[in-house]
Amino acid sequence: MWGRAMTDQSKTVTRVDLCEAVYQKVGLSRTESSAFVELVLKEITDCLEKGETVKLSSFGSFMVRKKGQRIGRNPKTGTEVPISPRRVMVFKPSAILKQRINGQHRANGDASKAPQEA
């Protein structure tokens, strides 16, 4: 699943895909794999709901930020509309994930050093 080559079209990875990857790579049954994925997602969701930061090493951090009330504008009519204060979820990728996405991942695991140019 995650080892396939990049193509022009991107694929959306679903819960089913994650469960299948756990089934294939960990060796749990499909039922156990599904329960495992659901448990991990529930734990992340519960922590975020409480306002906690979820930091996954070499992946990134999920955080909840508070946004204050502000004035927005209806794009059709131009009328000003108040936008209520709310909490939003933010994901900040780690430097390692950013490097991997940009094809700078090193085979020896040392992604901290940029390639030298001549």
PDB file of N, CA and C in Angstrom:
ATOM      1  N   MET A   1       0.818  -1.186   0.000  1.00  0.00           N
ATOM      2  CA  MET A   1       0.000   0.000   0.000  1.00  0.00           C
ATOM      3  C   MET A   1       0.861   1.248   0.000  1.00  0.00           C
ATOM      4  N   TRP A   2       1.748   1.426   0.990  1.00  0.00           N
ATOM      5  CA  TRP A   2       2.504   2.662   1.090  1.00  0.00           C
ATOM      6  C   TRP A   2       3.815   2.591   0.344  1.00  0.00           C
ATOM      7  N   GLY A   3       4.166   1.421  -0.176  1.00  0.00           N
ATOM      8  CA  GLY A   3       5.426   1.281  -0.867  1.00  0.00           C
ATOM      9  C   GLY A   3       5.311   1.487  -2.369  1.00  0.00           C
ATOM     10  N   ARG A   4       4.134   1.804  -2.863  1.00  0.00           N
ATOM     11  CA  ARG A   4       3.956   1.935  -4.301  1.00  0.00           C
ATOM     12  C   ARG A   4       4.548   3.245  -4.814  1.00  0.00           C
ATOM     13  N   ALA A   5       4.858   3.253  -6.113  1.00  0.00           N
ATOM     14  CA  ALA A   5       5.466   4.433  -6.732  1.00  0.00           C
ATOM     15  C   ALA A   5       4.445   5.557  -6.863  1.00  0.00           C
ATOM     16  N   MET A   6       4.949   6.782  -6.870  1.00  0.00           N
ATOM     17  CA  MET A   6       4.080   7.953  -7.031  1.00  0.00           C
ATOM     18  C   MET A   6       3.530   7.980  -8.454  1.00  0.00           C
ATOM     19  N   THR A   7       2.284   8.356  -8.595  1.00  0.00           N
ATOM     20  CA  THR A   7       1.668   8.498  -9.897  1.00  0.00           C
ATOM     21  C   THR A   7       1.137   9.911 -10.022  1.00  0.00           C
ATOM     22  N   ASP A   8       0.652  10.269 -11.198  1.00  0.00           N
ATOM     23  CA  ASP A   8       0.091  11.605 -11.412  1.00  0.00           C
ATOM     24  C   ASP A   8      -1.177  11.810 -10.603  1.00  0.00           C
ATOM     25  N   GLN A   9      -1.927  10.743 -10.375  1.00  0.00           N
ATOM     26  CA  GLN A   9      -3.166  10.863  -9.616  1.00  0.00           C
ATOM     27  C   GLN A   9      -2.900  10.449  -8.177  1.00  0.00           C
ATOM     28  N   SER A  10      -3.411  11.267  -7.243  1.00  0.00           N
ATOM     29  CA  SER A  10      -3.236  10.912  -5.843  1.00  0.00           C
ATOM     30  C   SER A  10      -4.413  10.055  -5.386  1.00  0.00           C
ATOM     31  N   LYS A  11      -4.158   9.221  -4.406  1.00  0.00           N
ATOM     32  CA  LYS A  11      -5.185   8.345  -3.859  1.00  0.00           C
ATOM     33  C   LYS A  11      -5.465   8.774  -2.437  1.00  0.00           C
ATOM     34  N   THR A  12      -6.700   8.704  -2.054  1.00  0.00           N
ATOM     35  CA  THR A  12      -7.071   8.981  -0.676  1.00  0.00           C
ATOM     36  C   THR A  12      -6.973   7.684   0.104  1.00  0.00           C
ATOM     37  N   VAL A  13      -6.197   7.690   1.173  1.00  0.00           N
ATOM     38  CA  VAL A  13      -6.057   6.515   2.028  1.00  0.00           C
ATOM     39  C   VAL A  13      -7.181   6.555   3.056  1.00  0.00           C
ATOM     40  N   THR A  14      -7.926   5.473   3.139  1.00  0.00           N
ATOM     41  CA  THR A  14      -9.084   5.397   4.029  1.00  0.00           C
ATOM     42  C   THR A  14      -8.773   4.526   5.246  1.00  0.00           C
ATOM     43  N   ARG A  15      -9.736   4.461   6.162  1.00  0.00           N
ATOM     44  CA  ARG A  15      -9.610   3.568   7.323  1.00  0.00           C
ATOM     45  C   ARG A  15      -9.420   2.132   6.868  1.00  0.00           C
ATOM     46  N   VAL A  16     -10.144   1.753   5.846  1.00  0.00           N
ATOM     47  CA  VAL A  16     -10.050   0.387   5.322  1.00  0.00           C
ATOM     48  C   VAL A  16      -8.626   0.121   4.843  1.00  0.00           C
ATOM     49  N   ASP A  17      -8.014   1.094   4.161  1.00  0.00           N
ATOM     50  CA  ASP A  17      -6.634   0.943   3.696  1.00  0.00           C
ATOM     51  C   ASP A  17      -5.666   0.788   4.873  1.00  0.00           C
ATOM     52  N   LEU A  18      -5.872   1.588   5.920  1.00  0.00           N
ATOM     53  CA  LEU A  18      -5.016   1.489   7.102  1.00  0.00           C
ATOM     54  C   LEU A  18      -5.170   0.132   7.773  1.00  0.00           C
ATOM     55  N   CYS A  19      -6.405  -0.336   7.891  1.00  0.00           N
ATOM     56  CA  CYS A  19      -6.664  -1.652   8.485  1.00  0.00           C
ATOM     57  C   CYS A  19      -5.999  -2.754   7.666  1.00  0.00           C
ATOM     58  N   GLU A  20      -6.087  -2.654   6.362  1.00  0.00           N
ATOM     59  CA  GLU A  20      -5.477  -3.656   5.482  1.00  0.00           C
ATOM     60  C   GLU A  20      -3.952  -3.640   5.619  1.00  0.00           C
ATOM     61  N   ALA A  21      -3.366  -2.452   5.750  1.00  0.00           N
ATOM     62  CA  ALA A  21      -1.912  -2.355   5.926  1.00  0.00           C
ATOM     63  C   ALA A  21      -1.481  -3.009   7.231  1.00  0.00           C
ATOM     64  N   VAL A  22      -2.233  -2.774   8.312  1.00  0.00           N
ATOM     65  CA  VAL A  22      -1.922  -3.414   9.589  1.00  0.00           C
ATOM     66  C   VAL A  22      -2.061  -4.927   9.440  1.00  0.00           C
ATOM     67  N   TYR A  23      -3.119  -5.367   8.779  1.00  0.00           N
ATOM     68  CA  TYR A  23      -3.340  -6.799   8.564  1.00  0.00           C
ATOM     69  C   TYR A  23      -2.159  -7.421   7.806  1.00  0.00           C
ATOM     70  N   GLN A  24      -1.721  -6.764   6.723  1.00  0.00           N
ATOM     71  CA  GLN A  24      -0.655  -7.301   5.869  1.00  0.00           C
ATOM     72  C   GLN A  24       0.709  -7.260   6.550  1.00  0.00           C
ATOM     73  N   LYS A  25       1.002  -6.161   7.266  1.00  0.00           N
ATOM     74  CA  LYS A  25       2.361  -5.960   7.770  1.00  0.00           C
ATOM     75  C   LYS A  25       2.577  -6.404   9.209  1.00  0.00           C
ATOM     76  N   VAL A  26       1.527  -6.415  10.022  1.00  0.00           N
ATOM     77  CA  VAL A  26       1.683  -6.781  11.429  1.00  0.00           C
ATOM     78  C   VAL A  26       1.297  -8.233  11.666  1.00  0.00           C
ATOM     79  N   GLY A  27       0.320  -8.699  10.890  1.00  0.00           N
ATOM     80  CA  GLY A  27      -0.068 -10.094  11.028  1.00  0.00           C
ATOM     81  C   GLY A  27      -1.265 -10.327  11.938  1.00  0.00           C
ATOM     82  N   LEU A  28      -1.914  -9.251  12.368  1.00  0.00           N
ATOM     83  CA  LEU A  28      -3.141  -9.422  13.141  1.00  0.00           C
ATOM     84  C   LEU A  28      -4.255  -9.860  12.193  1.00  0.00           C
ATOM     85  N   SER A  29      -5.325 -10.394  12.742  1.00  0.00           N
ATOM     86  CA  SER A  29      -6.475 -10.736  11.899  1.00  0.00           C
ATOM     87  C   SER A  29      -7.091  -9.439  11.392  1.00  0.00           C
ATOM     88  N   ARG A  30      -7.952  -9.549  10.399  1.00  0.00           N
ATOM     89  CA  ARG A  30      -8.604  -8.339   9.874  1.00  0.00           C
ATOM     90  C   ARG A  30      -9.445  -7.653  10.957  1.00  0.00           C
ATOM     91  N   THR A  31     -10.121  -8.452  11.782  1.00  0.00           N
ATOM     92  CA  THR A  31     -10.935  -7.901  12.866  1.00  0.00           C
ATOM     93  C   THR A  31     -10.056  -7.185  13.885  1.00  0.00           C
ATOM     94  N   GLU A  32      -8.950  -7.819  14.263  1.00  0.00           N
ATOM     95  CA  GLU A  32      -8.027  -7.199  15.222  1.00  0.00           C
ATOM     96  C   GLU A  32      -7.373  -5.956  14.632  1.00  0.00           C
ATOM     97  N   SER A  33      -7.026  -5.998  13.353  1.00  0.00           N
ATOM     98  CA  SER A  33      -6.418  -4.848  12.677  1.00  0.00           C
ATOM     99  C   SER A  33      -7.371  -3.668  12.671  1.00  0.00           C
ATOM    100  N   SER A  34      -8.630  -3.940  12.367  1.00  0.00           N
ATOM    101  CA  SER A  34      -9.645  -2.888  12.354  1.00  0.00           C
ATOM    102  C   SER A  34      -9.816  -2.295  13.752  1.00  0.00           C
ATOM    103  N   ALA A  35      -9.877  -3.147  14.763  1.00  0.00           N
ATOM    104  CA  ALA A  35     -10.030  -2.681  16.140  1.00  0.00           C
ATOM    105  C   ALA A  35      -8.818  -1.854  16.570  1.00  0.00           C
ATOM    106  N   PHE A  36      -7.634  -2.260  16.152  1.00  0.00           N
ATOM    107  CA  PHE A  36      -6.407  -1.543  16.482  1.00  0.00           C
ATOM    108  C   PHE A  36      -6.414  -0.137  15.876  1.00  0.00           C
ATOM    109  N   VAL A  37      -6.731  -0.050  14.586  1.00  0.00           N
ATOM    110  CA  VAL A  37      -6.773   1.255  13.909  1.00  0.00           C
ATOM    111  C   VAL A  37      -7.820   2.152  14.567  1.00  0.00           C
ATOM    112  N   GLU A  38      -8.992   1.607  14.843  1.00  0.00           N
ATOM    113  CA  GLU A  38     -10.048   2.395  15.488  1.00  0.00           C
ATOM    114  C   GLU A  38      -9.615   2.886  16.869  1.00  0.00           C
ATOM    115  N   LEU A  39      -8.912   2.033  17.623  1.00  0.00           N
ATOM    116  CA  LEU A  39      -8.432   2.410  18.954  1.00  0.00           C
ATOM    117  C   LEU A  39      -7.436   3.570  18.872  1.00  0.00           C
ATOM    118  N   VAL A  40      -6.500   3.497  17.930  1.00  0.00           N
ATOM    119  CA  VAL A  40      -5.516   4.565  17.764  1.00  0.00           C
ATOM    120  C   VAL A  40      -6.205   5.872  17.367  1.00  0.00           C
ATOM    121  N   LEU A  41      -7.121   5.808  16.415  1.00  0.00           N
ATOM    122  CA  LEU A  41      -7.827   7.020  15.981  1.00  0.00           C
ATOM    123  C   LEU A  41      -8.685   7.600  17.107  1.00  0.00           C
ATOM    124  N   LYS A  42      -9.306   6.742  17.899  1.00  0.00           N
ATOM    125  CA  LYS A  42     -10.121   7.213  19.021  1.00  0.00           C
ATOM    126  C   LYS A  42      -9.256   7.897  20.069  1.00  0.00           C
ATOM    127  N   GLU A  43      -8.105   7.338  20.353  1.00  0.00           N
ATOM    128  CA  GLU A  43      -7.202   7.937  21.339  1.00  0.00           C
ATOM    129  C   GLU A  43      -6.738   9.317  20.870  1.00  0.00           C
ATOM    130  N   ILE A  44      -6.380   9.443  19.601  1.00  0.00           N
ATOM    131  CA  ILE A  44      -5.975  10.744  19.050  1.00  0.00           C
ATOM    132  C   ILE A  44      -7.127  11.727  19.145  1.00  0.00           C
ATOM    133  N   THR A  45      -8.315  11.292  18.752  1.00  0.00           N
ATOM    134  CA  THR A  45      -9.507  12.155  18.795  1.00  0.00           C
ATOM    135  C   THR A  45      -9.824  12.596  20.210  1.00  0.00           C
ATOM    136  N   ASP A  46      -9.781  11.674  21.172  1.00  0.00           N
ATOM    137  CA  ASP A  46     -10.073  12.005  22.570  1.00  0.00           C
ATOM    138  C   ASP A  46      -9.088  13.036  23.116  1.00  0.00           C
ATOM    139  N   CYS A  47      -7.811  12.874  22.794  1.00  0.00           N
ATOM    140  CA  CYS A  47      -6.796  13.826  23.254  1.00  0.00           C
ATOM    141  C   CYS A  47      -7.033  15.206  22.655  1.00  0.00           C
ATOM    142  N   LEU A  48      -7.331  15.261  21.367  1.00  0.00           N
ATOM    143  CA  LEU A  48      -7.584  16.552  20.709  1.00  0.00           C
ATOM    144  C   LEU A  48      -8.837  17.214  21.263  1.00  0.00           C
ATOM    145  N   GLU A  49      -9.857  16.414  21.535  1.00  0.00           N
ATOM    146  CA  GLU A  49     -11.105  16.934  22.088  1.00  0.00           C
ATOM    147  C   GLU A  49     -10.864  17.617  23.437  1.00  0.00           C
ATOM    148  N   LYS A  50      -9.898  17.083  24.219  1.00  0.00           N
ATOM    149  CA  LYS A  50      -9.552  17.667  25.517  1.00  0.00           C
ATOM    150  C   LYS A  50      -8.593  18.850  25.376  1.00  0.00           C
ATOM    151  N   GLY A  51      -8.183  19.154  24.142  1.00  0.00           N
ATOM    152  CA  GLY A  51      -7.278  20.275  23.907  1.00  0.00           C
ATOM    153  C   GLY A  51      -5.810  19.914  24.023  1.00  0.00           C
ATOM    154  N   GLU A  52      -5.503  18.629  24.102  1.00  0.00           N
ATOM    155  CA  GLU A  52      -4.119  18.180  24.212  1.00  0.00           C
ATOM    156  C   GLU A  52      -3.462  18.141  22.836  1.00  0.00           C
ATOM    157  N   THR A  53      -2.142  18.328  22.806  1.00  0.00           N
ATOM    158  CA  THR A  53      -1.375  18.195  21.572  1.00  0.00           C
ATOM    159  C   THR A  53      -0.973  16.740  21.412  1.00  0.00           C
ATOM    160  N   VAL A  54      -1.108  16.209  20.203  1.00  0.00           N
ATOM    161  CA  VAL A  54      -0.694  14.843  19.894  1.00  0.00           C
ATOM    162  C   VAL A  54       0.545  14.941  19.017  1.00  0.00           C
ATOM    163  N   LYS A  55       1.691  14.529  19.552  1.00  0.00           N
ATOM    164  CA  LYS A  55       2.958  14.617  18.826  1.00  0.00           C
ATOM    165  C   LYS A  55       3.433  13.211  18.493  1.00  0.00           C
ATOM    166  N   LEU A  56       3.568  12.937  17.197  1.00  0.00           N
ATOM    167  CA  LEU A  56       4.034  11.645  16.720  1.00  0.00           C
ATOM    168  C   LEU A  56       5.425  11.849  16.116  1.00  0.00           C
ATOM    169  N   SER A  57       6.432  11.329  16.783  1.00  0.00           N
ATOM    170  CA  SER A  57       7.813  11.511  16.366  1.00  0.00           C
ATOM    171  C   SER A  57       8.003  11.113  14.905  1.00  0.00           C
ATOM    172  N   SER A  58       8.758  11.906  14.173  1.00  0.00           N
ATOM    173  CA  SER A  58       9.069  11.702  12.746  1.00  0.00           C
ATOM    174  C   SER A  58       7.842  11.835  11.846  1.00  0.00           C
ATOM    175  N   PHE A  59       6.705  12.226  12.397  1.00  0.00           N
ATOM    176  CA  PHE A  59       5.488  12.400  11.598  1.00  0.00           C
ATOM    177  C   PHE A  59       4.990  13.830  11.704  1.00  0.00           C
ATOM    178  N   GLY A  60       4.617  14.263  12.910  1.00  0.00           N
ATOM    179  CA  GLY A  60       4.142  15.621  13.101  1.00  0.00           C
ATOM    180  C   GLY A  60       3.282  15.748  14.331  1.00  0.00           C
ATOM    181  N   SER A  61       2.700  16.925  14.489  1.00  0.00           N
ATOM    182  CA  SER A  61       1.888  17.220  15.669  1.00  0.00           C
ATOM    183  C   SER A  61       0.497  17.695  15.263  1.00  0.00           C
ATOM    184  N   PHE A  62      -0.498  17.181  15.976  1.00  0.00           N
ATOM    185  CA  PHE A  62      -1.872  17.645  15.845  1.00  0.00           C
ATOM    186  C   PHE A  62      -2.146  18.535  17.042  1.00  0.00           C
ATOM    187  N   MET A  63      -2.661  19.739  16.795  1.00  0.00           N
ATOM    188  CA  MET A  63      -2.935  20.681  17.877  1.00  0.00           C
ATOM    189  C   MET A  63      -4.311  21.296  17.688  1.00  0.00           C
ATOM    190  N   VAL A  64      -4.895  21.730  18.793  1.00  0.00           N
ATOM    191  CA  VAL A  64      -6.154  22.451  18.740  1.00  0.00           C
ATOM    192  C   VAL A  64      -5.840  23.899  19.083  1.00  0.00           C
ATOM    193  N   ARG A  65      -6.276  24.806  18.222  1.00  0.00           N
ATOM    194  CA  ARG A  65      -6.058  26.233  18.451  1.00  0.00           C
ATOM    195  C   ARG A  65      -7.402  26.921  18.609  1.00  0.00           C
ATOM    196  N   LYS A  66      -7.413  27.942  19.458  1.00  0.00           N
ATOM    197  CA  LYS A  66      -8.624  28.732  19.634  1.00  0.00           C
ATOM    198  C   LYS A  66      -8.559  29.931  18.705  1.00  0.00           C
ATOM    199  N   LYS A  67      -9.653  30.163  17.997  1.00  0.00           N
ATOM    200  CA  LYS A  67      -9.759  31.333  17.128  1.00  0.00           C
ATOM    201  C   LYS A  67     -10.817  32.252  17.713  1.00  0.00           C
ATOM    202  N   GLY A  68     -10.486  33.504  17.810  1.00  0.00           N
ATOM    203  CA  GLY A  68     -11.426  34.474  18.353  1.00  0.00           C
ATOM    204  C   GLY A  68     -12.480  34.876  17.337  1.00  0.00           C
ATOM    205  N   GLN A  69     -13.456  35.615  17.814  1.00  0.00           N
ATOM    206  CA  GLN A  69     -14.505  36.107  16.918  1.00  0.00           C
ATOM    207  C   GLN A  69     -13.899  37.119  15.960  1.00  0.00           C
ATOM    208  N   ARG A  70     -14.391  37.114  14.722  1.00  0.00           N
ATOM    209  CA  ARG A  70     -13.931  38.089  13.732  1.00  0.00           C
ATOM    210  C   ARG A  70     -15.054  38.381  12.763  1.00  0.00           C
ATOM    211  N   ILE A  71     -14.839  39.367  11.952  1.00  0.00           N
ATOM    212  CA  ILE A  71     -15.835  39.743  10.955  1.00  0.00           C
ATOM    213  C   ILE A  71     -15.424  39.149   9.612  1.00  0.00           C
ATOM    214  N   GLY A  72     -16.353  38.401   9.008  1.00  0.00           N
ATOM    215  CA  GLY A  72     -16.148  37.844   7.678  1.00  0.00           C
ATOM    216  C   GLY A  72     -17.029  38.580   6.691  1.00  0.00           C
ATOM    217  N   ARG A  73     -16.937  38.198   5.441  1.00  0.00           N
ATOM    218  CA  ARG A  73     -17.734  38.856   4.420  1.00  0.00           C
ATOM    219  C   ARG A  73     -18.358  37.803   3.519  1.00  0.00           C
ATOM    220  N   ASN A  74     -19.665  37.929   3.265  1.00  0.00           N
ATOM    221  CA  ASN A  74     -20.356  37.052   2.332  1.00  0.00           C
ATOM    222  C   ASN A  74     -19.849  37.384   0.932  1.00  0.00           C
ATOM    223  N   PRO A  75     -19.221  36.431   0.227  1.00  0.00           N
ATOM    224  CA  PRO A  75     -18.652  36.732  -1.087  1.00  0.00           C
ATOM    225  C   PRO A  75     -19.688  37.109  -2.150  1.00  0.00           C
ATOM    226  N   LYS A  76     -20.928  36.636  -2.007  1.00  0.00           N
ATOM    227  CA  LYS A  76     -21.957  36.966  -2.993  1.00  0.00           C
ATOM    228  C   LYS A  76     -22.497  38.378  -2.810  1.00  0.00           C
ATOM    229  N   THR A  77     -22.797  38.722  -1.556  1.00  0.00           N
ATOM    230  CA  THR A  77     -23.468  40.004  -1.298  1.00  0.00           C
ATOM    231  C   THR A  77     -22.530  41.087  -0.774  1.00  0.00           C
ATOM    232  N   GLY A  78     -21.366  40.674  -0.247  1.00  0.00           N
ATOM    233  CA  GLY A  78     -20.449  41.647   0.331  1.00  0.00           C
ATOM    234  C   GLY A  78     -20.842  42.065   1.742  1.00  0.00           C
ATOM    235  N   THR A  79     -21.905  41.476   2.282  1.00  0.00           N
ATOM    236  CA  THR A  79     -22.386  41.807   3.616  1.00  0.00           C
ATOM    237  C   THR A  79     -21.420  41.269   4.668  1.00  0.00           C
ATOM    238  N   GLU A  80     -21.133  42.099   5.678  1.00  0.00           N
ATOM    239  CA  GLU A  80     -20.276  41.652   6.768  1.00  0.00           C
ATOM    240  C   GLU A  80     -21.064  40.712   7.678  1.00  0.00           C
ATOM    241  N   VAL A  81     -20.403  39.635   8.087  1.00  0.00           N
ATOM    242  CA  VAL A  81     -21.041  38.615   8.917  1.00  0.00           C
ATOM    243  C   VAL A  81     -20.085  38.269  10.063  1.00  0.00           C
ATOM    244  N   PRO A  82     -20.571  38.269  11.314  1.00  0.00           N
ATOM    245  CA  PRO A  82     -19.676  37.878  12.407  1.00  0.00           C
ATOM    246  C   PRO A  82     -19.417  36.367  12.384  1.00  0.00           C
ATOM    247  N   ILE A  83     -18.154  35.996  12.575  1.00  0.00           N
ATOM    248  CA  ILE A  83     -17.780  34.590  12.655  1.00  0.00           C
ATOM    249  C   ILE A  83     -17.492  34.299  14.122  1.00  0.00           C
ATOM    250  N   SER A  84     -18.196  33.332  14.695  1.00  0.00           N
ATOM    251  CA  SER A  84     -18.099  33.013  16.124  1.00  0.00           C
ATOM    252  C   SER A  84     -16.717  32.481  16.487  1.00  0.00           C
ATOM    253  N   PRO A  85     -16.343  32.661  17.756  1.00  0.00           N
ATOM    254  CA  PRO A  85     -15.097  32.025  18.216  1.00  0.00           C
ATOM    255  C   PRO A  85     -15.247  30.507  18.148  1.00  0.00           C
ATOM    256  N   ARG A  86     -14.156  29.834  17.860  1.00  0.00           N
ATOM    257  CA  ARG A  86     -14.215  28.374  17.719  1.00  0.00           C
ATOM    258  C   ARG A  86     -12.829  27.787  17.914  1.00  0.00           C
ATOM    259  N   ARG A  87     -12.801  26.469  17.987  1.00  0.00           N
ATOM    260  CA  ARG A  87     -11.529  25.749  18.049  1.00  0.00           C
ATOM    261  C   ARG A  87     -11.306  25.059  16.713  1.00  0.00           C
ATOM    262  N   VAL A  88     -10.071  25.088  16.247  1.00  0.00           N
ATOM    263  CA  VAL A  88      -9.736  24.436  14.980  1.00  0.00           C
ATOM    264  C   VAL A  88      -8.576  23.469  15.209  1.00  0.00           C
ATOM    265  N   MET A  89      -8.561  22.406  14.442  1.00  0.00           N
ATOM    266  CA  MET A  89      -7.491  21.426  14.526  1.00  0.00           C
ATOM    267  C   MET A  89      -6.444  21.779  13.487  1.00  0.00           C
ATOM    268  N   VAL A  90      -5.167  21.743  13.895  1.00  0.00           N
ATOM    269  CA  VAL A  90      -4.059  22.085  13.019  1.00  0.00           C
ATOM    270  C   VAL A  90      -3.071  20.925  13.019  1.00  0.00           C
ATOM    271  N   PHE A  91      -2.522  20.618  11.857  1.00  0.00           N
ATOM    272  CA  PHE A  91      -1.465  19.614  11.769  1.00  0.00           C
ATOM    273  C   PHE A  91      -0.188  20.290  11.318  1.00  0.00           C
ATOM    274  N   LYS A  92       0.889  20.064  12.063  1.00  0.00           N
ATOM    275  CA  LYS A  92       2.193  20.602  11.695  1.00  0.00           C
ATOM    276  C   LYS A  92       3.113  19.418  11.420  1.00  0.00           C
ATOM    277  N   PRO A  93       3.495  19.215  10.157  1.00  0.00           N
ATOM    278  CA  PRO A  93       4.355  18.075   9.836  1.00  0.00           C
ATOM    279  C   PRO A  93       5.758  18.263  10.405  1.00  0.00           C
ATOM    280  N   SER A  94       6.405  17.149  10.743  1.00  0.00           N
ATOM    281  CA  SER A  94       7.783  17.210  11.230  1.00  0.00           C
ATOM    282  C   SER A  94       8.720  17.509  10.063  1.00  0.00           C
ATOM    283  N   ALA A  95       9.940  17.917  10.390  1.00  0.00           N
ATOM    284  CA  ALA A  95      10.948  18.183   9.355  1.00  0.00           C
ATOM    285  C   ALA A  95      11.236  16.912   8.566  1.00  0.00           C
ATOM    286  N   ILE A  96      11.238  15.771   9.258  1.00  0.00           N
ATOM    287  CA  ILE A  96      11.507  14.490   8.583  1.00  0.00           C
ATOM    288  C   ILE A  96      10.408  14.183   7.570  1.00  0.00           C
ATOM    289  N   LEU A  97       9.147  14.393   7.937  1.00  0.00           N
ATOM    290  CA  LEU A  97       8.043  14.145   7.007  1.00  0.00           C
ATOM    291  C   LEU A  97       8.124  15.099   5.817  1.00  0.00           C
ATOM    292  N   LYS A  98       8.427  16.353   6.071  1.00  0.00           N
ATOM    293  CA  LYS A  98       8.562  17.326   4.971  1.00  0.00           C
ATOM    294  C   LYS A  98       9.647  16.886   3.993  1.00  0.00           C
ATOM    295  N   GLN A  99      10.779  16.423   4.526  1.00  0.00           N
ATOM    296  CA  GLN A  99      11.871  15.970   3.663  1.00  0.00           C
ATOM    297  C   GLN A  99      11.466  14.750   2.850  1.00  0.00           C
ATOM    298  N   ARG A 100      10.758  13.819   3.475  1.00  0.00           N
ATOM    299  CA  ARG A 100      10.330  12.616   2.749  1.00  0.00           C
ATOM    300  C   ARG A 100       9.349  12.968   1.640  1.00  0.00           C
ATOM    301  N   ILE A 101       8.428  13.896   1.920  1.00  0.00           N
ATOM    302  CA  ILE A 101       7.456  14.309   0.908  1.00  0.00           C
ATOM    303  C   ILE A 101       8.158  14.946  -0.287  1.00  0.00           C
ATOM    304  N   ASN A 102       9.253  15.649  -0.014  1.00  0.00           N
ATOM    305  CA  ASN A 102       9.996  16.329  -1.069  1.00  0.00           C
ATOM    306  C   ASN A 102      11.114  15.478  -1.655  1.00  0.00           C
ATOM    307  N   GLY A 103      11.124  14.169  -1.354  1.00  0.00           N
ATOM    308  CA  GLY A 103      12.079  13.249  -1.951  1.00  0.00           C
ATOM    309  C   GLY A 103      13.491  13.396  -1.423  1.00  0.00           C
ATOM    310  N   GLN A 104      13.644  13.907  -0.209  1.00  0.00           N
ATOM    311  CA  GLN A 104      14.976  14.106   0.349  1.00  0.00           C
ATOM    312  C   GLN A 104      15.304  13.083   1.423  1.00  0.00           C
ATOM    313  N   HIS A 105      14.530  12.019   1.504  1.00  0.00           N
ATOM    314  CA  HIS A 105      14.757  10.983   2.527  1.00  0.00           C
ATOM    315  C   HIS A 105      16.012  10.215   2.181  1.00  0.00           C
ATOM    316  N   ARG A 106      16.887  10.030   3.162  1.00  0.00           N
ATOM    317  CA  ARG A 106      18.119   9.273   2.950  1.00  0.00           C
ATOM    318  C   ARG A 106      17.932   7.837   3.416  1.00  0.00           C
ATOM    319  N   ALA A 107      18.543   6.923   2.690  1.00  0.00           N
ATOM    320  CA  ALA A 107      18.411   5.499   3.000  1.00  0.00           C
ATOM    321  C   ALA A 107      18.980   5.151   4.364  1.00  0.00           C
ATOM    322  N   ASN A 108      20.022   5.860   4.811  1.00  0.00           N
ATOM    323  CA  ASN A 108      20.631   5.530   6.094  1.00  0.00           C
ATOM    324  C   ASN A 108      19.885   6.155   7.264  1.00  0.00           C
ATOM    325  N   GLY A 109      18.780   6.837   6.980  1.00  0.00           N
ATOM    326  CA  GLY A 109      17.964   7.402   8.043  1.00  0.00           C
ATOM    327  C   GLY A 109      18.406   8.772   8.491  1.00  0.00           C
ATOM    328  N   ASP A 110      19.519   9.295   7.930  1.00  0.00           N
ATOM    329  CA  ASP A 110      20.002  10.614   8.324  1.00  0.00           C
ATOM    330  C   ASP A 110      19.444  11.654   7.374  1.00  0.00           C
ATOM    331  N   ALA A 111      18.249  12.140   7.677  1.00  0.00           N
ATOM    332  CA  ALA A 111      17.593  13.131   6.825  1.00  0.00           C
ATOM    333  C   ALA A 111      17.932  14.539   7.267  1.00  0.00           C
ATOM    334  N   SER A 112      18.785  14.688   8.295  1.00  0.00           N
ATOM    335  CA  SER A 112      19.077  16.013   8.828  1.00  0.00           C
ATOM    336  C   SER A 112      20.080  16.781   7.986  1.00  0.00           C
ATOM    337  N   LYS A 113      20.858  16.089   7.164  1.00  0.00           N
ATOM    338  CA  LYS A 113      21.880  16.759   6.358  1.00  0.00           C
ATOM    339  C   LYS A 113      21.397  16.870   4.919  1.00  0.00           C
ATOM    340  N   ALA A 114      21.409  18.081   4.405  1.00  0.00           N
ATOM    341  CA  ALA A 114      20.996  18.302   3.019  1.00  0.00           C
ATOM    342  C   ALA A 114      22.087  17.823   2.079  1.00  0.00           C
ATOM    343  N   PRO A 115      21.728  17.391   0.855  1.00  0.00           N
ATOM    344  CA  PRO A 115      22.744  16.964  -0.102  1.00  0.00           C
ATOM    345  C   PRO A 115      23.646  18.141  -0.480  1.00  0.00           C
ATOM    346  N   GLN A 116      24.925  17.863  -0.651  1.00  0.00           N
ATOM    347  CA  GLN A 116      25.892  18.894  -1.013  1.00  0.00           C
ATOM    348  C   GLN A 116      25.835  19.143  -2.512  1.00  0.00           C
ATOM    349  N   GLU A 117      25.867  20.417  -2.894  1.00  0.00           N
ATOM    350  CA  GLU A 117      25.882  20.770  -4.310  1.00  0.00           C
ATOM    351  C   GLU A 117      27.282  21.150  -4.717  1.00  0.00           C
ATOM    352  N   ALA A 118      27.684  20.827  -5.962  1.00  0.00           N
ATOM    353  CA  ALA A 118      29.030  21.130  -6.441  1.00  0.00           C
ATOM    354  C   ALA A 118      29.164  22.546  -6.942  1.00  0.00           C
TER     355      ALA A 118
END
